[in-house]
Amino acid sequence: MNEASKERLELFVEKAEKLLSQRKLLSLIGLHRNGGEEKWQNNEDIEGFLLTFRLFLLHKEGIALYKPRLRSPEQLELLKLNDLSESWKETVRQACQSIIDFLATEPRMYGATPVSRWTILETFLYGYFAHAEPPKRKVFKQWQDVPELFEKLQLDFLDILMFLLRHIKDVAEASKNELALGSKEVE
């Protein structure tokens, strides 16, 4: 395994372990009552968790398991690491394909418009938690104005995070095994 591949796998494992150690933070994300109004609970720990989480969605970081408009896992930087085992690559391919299929589904309707899981994830991350991109923030606020829908979208958001975390964990485990194999080859 070359040094660039080793560094990429180490980064993946490091960030995955950080996320998985903070997994309990997901239980902190929830609704709380404030004068009869339901509001999305937000705090610095949750934001920190989500900022780390989004590294697995940002193509430029080289550890992404998904990117928008992705048609094939082979387009991901992780699978361009040619010197890794076929077993590792297959784990990554399966995780990525599962994520692609999952995020493309449309579990909700907003008016007459279907809302994909990717749209839900992207809107919560970039319209509220990790950034405040004006178009996504606008959609987030529109969703908040429909309490029944918003409550379901919050639950969908948590389900999406948990689904993605399972795949991040699988790839992190495969990466640890790959790193162990690489270190044995050096010995």
Protein backbone atom coordinates (compact mmCIF):
# COMPACT_ATOMS: atom_id res chain seq x y z
CA MET A 1 0.00 0.00 0.00
CA ASN A 2 1.45 3.34 -0.97
CA GLU A 3 1.71 6.29 1.40
CA ALA A 4 -1.20 8.24 -0.16
CA SER A 5 -3.56 5.27 0.24
CA LYS A 6 -2.38 4.71 3.79
CA GLU A 7 -2.97 8.35 4.69
CA ARG A 8 -6.45 8.31 3.13
CA LEU A 9 -7.45 5.18 5.05
CA GLU A 10 -6.02 6.58 8.28
CA LEU A 11 -8.03 9.78 7.79
CA PHE A 12 -11.19 7.77 7.12
CA VAL A 13 -10.68 5.65 10.25
CA GLU A 14 -9.77 8.66 12.41
CA LYS A 15 -12.89 10.62 11.41
CA ALA A 16 -15.13 7.54 11.58
CA GLU A 17 -13.93 6.72 15.09
CA LYS A 18 -14.54 10.30 16.14
CA LEU A 19 -18.10 10.09 14.80
CA LEU A 20 -18.82 6.70 16.27
CA SER A 21 -17.54 7.76 19.69
CA GLN A 22 -19.97 10.69 19.53
CA ARG A 23 -22.86 8.57 18.30
CA LYS A 24 -24.64 9.08 21.61
CA LEU A 25 -24.99 12.72 20.57
CA LEU A 26 -27.66 11.67 18.13
CA SER A 27 -29.89 10.99 21.10
CA LEU A 28 -29.46 14.64 22.06
CA ILE A 29 -30.94 15.78 18.77
CA GLY A 30 -34.61 16.04 19.32
CA LEU A 31 -37.60 18.10 20.05
CA HIS A 32 -38.03 20.00 23.23
CA ARG A 33 -40.94 22.03 24.48
CA ASN A 34 -40.53 25.75 24.80
CA GLY A 35 -43.68 27.59 25.80
CA GLY A 36 -45.89 25.15 23.92
CA GLU A 37 -43.88 25.43 20.71
CA GLU A 38 -41.75 22.60 19.43
CA LYS A 39 -38.26 23.59 18.40
CA TRP A 40 -35.35 21.65 17.04
CA GLN A 41 -32.77 21.28 19.76
CA ASN A 42 -29.33 22.41 18.73
CA ASN A 43 -26.07 22.68 20.61
CA GLU A 44 -22.35 22.90 19.91
CA ASP A 45 -21.74 19.17 20.42
CA ILE A 46 -24.34 18.26 17.83
CA GLU A 47 -22.97 20.81 15.40
CA GLY A 48 -19.46 19.42 15.93
CA PHE A 49 -20.72 15.91 15.28
CA LEU A 50 -22.45 17.02 12.06
CA LEU A 51 -19.42 18.99 10.85
CA THR A 52 -17.33 15.82 11.16
CA PHE A 53 -20.13 13.76 9.61
CA ARG A 54 -20.28 15.92 6.50
CA LEU A 55 -16.65 15.04 5.68
CA PHE A 56 -18.07 11.73 4.45
CA LEU A 57 -20.24 13.69 2.00
CA LEU A 58 -17.65 16.20 0.76
CA HIS A 59 -15.98 14.83 -2.34
CA LYS A 60 -12.95 17.12 -2.03
CA GLU A 61 -11.94 15.49 1.27
CA GLY A 62 -11.25 12.20 -0.48
CA ILE A 63 -13.15 10.10 2.08
CA ALA A 64 -16.69 10.70 0.83
CA LEU A 65 -19.04 7.75 0.51
CA TYR A 66 -21.52 9.83 -1.47
CA LYS A 67 -21.68 12.88 -3.64
CA PRO A 68 -24.71 14.47 -5.30
CA ARG A 69 -25.70 13.14 -8.70
CA LEU A 70 -23.49 10.11 -8.16
CA ARG A 71 -24.43 7.33 -10.55
CA SER A 72 -21.76 4.81 -9.67
CA PRO A 73 -19.55 4.24 -6.64
CA GLU A 74 -16.59 4.05 -9.03
CA GLN A 75 -16.72 7.86 -9.33
CA LEU A 76 -15.62 8.26 -5.70
CA GLU A 77 -12.03 9.15 -4.84
CA LEU A 78 -11.84 6.28 -2.34
CA LEU A 79 -12.28 3.73 -5.09
CA LYS A 80 -9.53 5.31 -7.14
CA LEU A 81 -6.99 3.95 -4.66
CA ASN A 82 -5.71 1.18 -6.91
CA ASP A 83 -3.32 -0.50 -4.51
CA LEU A 84 -5.91 -1.75 -2.02
CA SER A 85 -7.41 -5.22 -1.79
CA GLU A 86 -10.42 -6.28 -3.79
CA SER A 87 -12.16 -7.16 -0.52
CA TRP A 88 -11.80 -3.58 0.74
CA LYS A 89 -12.97 -2.17 -2.58
CA GLU A 90 -16.01 -4.44 -2.57
CA THR A 91 -16.95 -3.29 0.95
CA VAL A 92 -16.69 0.33 -0.18
CA ARG A 93 -18.63 -0.35 -3.41
CA GLN A 94 -21.45 -2.05 -1.52
CA ALA A 95 -21.64 0.72 1.09
CA CYS A 96 -21.64 3.42 -1.58
CA GLN A 97 -24.26 1.71 -3.74
CA SER A 98 -26.48 1.19 -0.72
CA ILE A 99 -26.11 4.87 0.18
CA ILE A 100 -26.81 5.99 -3.39
CA ASP A 101 -30.00 3.91 -3.51
CA PHE A 102 -31.12 4.96 -0.03
CA LEU A 103 -30.61 8.70 -0.54
CA ALA A 104 -32.38 8.67 -3.91
CA THR A 105 -35.66 7.45 -2.45
CA GLU A 106 -38.42 9.94 -1.74
CA PRO A 107 -40.14 9.14 1.57
CA ARG A 108 -42.05 12.43 1.85
CA MET A 109 -44.11 14.86 -0.16
CA TYR A 110 -44.03 18.62 0.31
CA GLY A 111 -47.21 19.70 -1.36
CA ALA A 112 -47.04 17.95 -4.72
CA THR A 113 -43.24 17.75 -4.67
CA PRO A 114 -41.51 14.51 -3.64
CA VAL A 115 -38.65 15.02 -1.16
CA SER A 116 -35.68 12.66 -1.43
CA ARG A 117 -33.62 11.57 1.55
CA TRP A 118 -30.69 13.47 0.02
CA THR A 119 -32.78 16.65 -0.02
CA ILE A 120 -33.74 16.09 3.63
CA LEU A 121 -30.12 15.50 4.66
CA GLU A 122 -28.78 18.40 2.61
CA THR A 123 -31.46 20.81 3.85
CA PHE A 124 -30.93 20.00 7.52
CA LEU A 125 -27.13 20.08 7.21
CA TYR A 126 -26.70 23.10 4.96
CA GLY A 127 -29.87 25.01 5.79
CA TYR A 128 -29.66 24.73 9.55
CA PHE A 129 -26.87 22.83 11.28
CA ALA A 130 -23.59 23.13 9.38
CA HIS A 131 -24.23 26.22 7.27
CA ALA A 132 -26.96 28.67 6.45
CA GLU A 133 -27.08 28.52 2.67
CA PRO A 134 -29.97 30.86 1.78
CA PRO A 135 -31.90 28.52 -0.57
CA LYS A 136 -31.64 25.58 1.84
CA ARG A 137 -32.41 27.77 4.84
CA LYS A 138 -35.54 28.99 3.05
CA VAL A 139 -36.70 25.40 2.44
CA PHE A 140 -35.90 24.48 6.06
CA LYS A 141 -38.07 27.36 7.31
CA GLN A 142 -40.87 26.40 4.91
CA TRP A 143 -40.78 22.87 6.31
CA GLN A 144 -40.89 24.24 9.86
CA ASP A 145 -44.10 26.08 8.97
CA VAL A 146 -45.81 22.70 8.42
CA PRO A 147 -45.47 21.06 11.87
CA GLU A 148 -46.76 17.61 10.91
CA LEU A 149 -44.40 17.40 7.95
CA PHE A 150 -41.48 18.87 9.88
CA GLU A 151 -41.79 16.33 12.68
CA LYS A 152 -41.62 13.50 10.12
CA LEU A 153 -38.68 15.14 8.37
CA GLN A 154 -36.80 15.37 11.67
CA LEU A 155 -37.27 11.65 12.20
CA ASP A 156 -36.23 11.00 8.60
CA PHE A 157 -33.08 13.07 9.20
CA LEU A 158 -32.16 10.95 12.21
CA ASP A 159 -32.86 7.74 10.28
CA ILE A 160 -30.63 8.97 7.45
CA LEU A 161 -27.80 9.75 9.88
CA MET A 162 -28.07 6.32 11.49
CA PHE A 163 -28.15 4.56 8.10
CA LEU A 164 -25.06 6.42 6.92
CA LEU A 165 -23.23 5.83 10.21
CA ARG A 166 -23.69 2.07 9.82
CA HIS A 167 -21.97 2.23 6.43
CA ILE A 168 -19.24 4.55 7.68
CA LYS A 169 -18.58 2.03 10.45
CA ASP A 170 -18.42 -0.88 7.95
CA VAL A 171 -15.93 0.96 5.73
CA ALA A 172 -13.88 2.04 8.77
CA GLU A 173 -13.62 -1.60 9.90
CA ALA A 174 -12.58 -2.70 6.41
CA SER A 175 -10.05 0.15 6.34
CA LYS A 176 -8.56 -0.90 9.69
CA ASN A 177 -8.19 -4.43 8.35
CA GLU A 178 -6.60 -3.09 5.17
CA LEU A 179 -4.16 -0.97 7.18
CA ALA A 180 -3.26 -4.01 9.29
CA LEU A 181 -2.61 -6.02 6.12
CA GLY A 182 -0.48 -3.16 4.75
CA SER A 183 1.62 -3.01 7.90
CA LYS A 184 2.21 -6.80 7.75
CA GLU A 185 3.45 -6.47 4.17
CA VAL A 186 6.06 -3.93 5.34
CA GLU A 187 7.36 -6.20 8.12
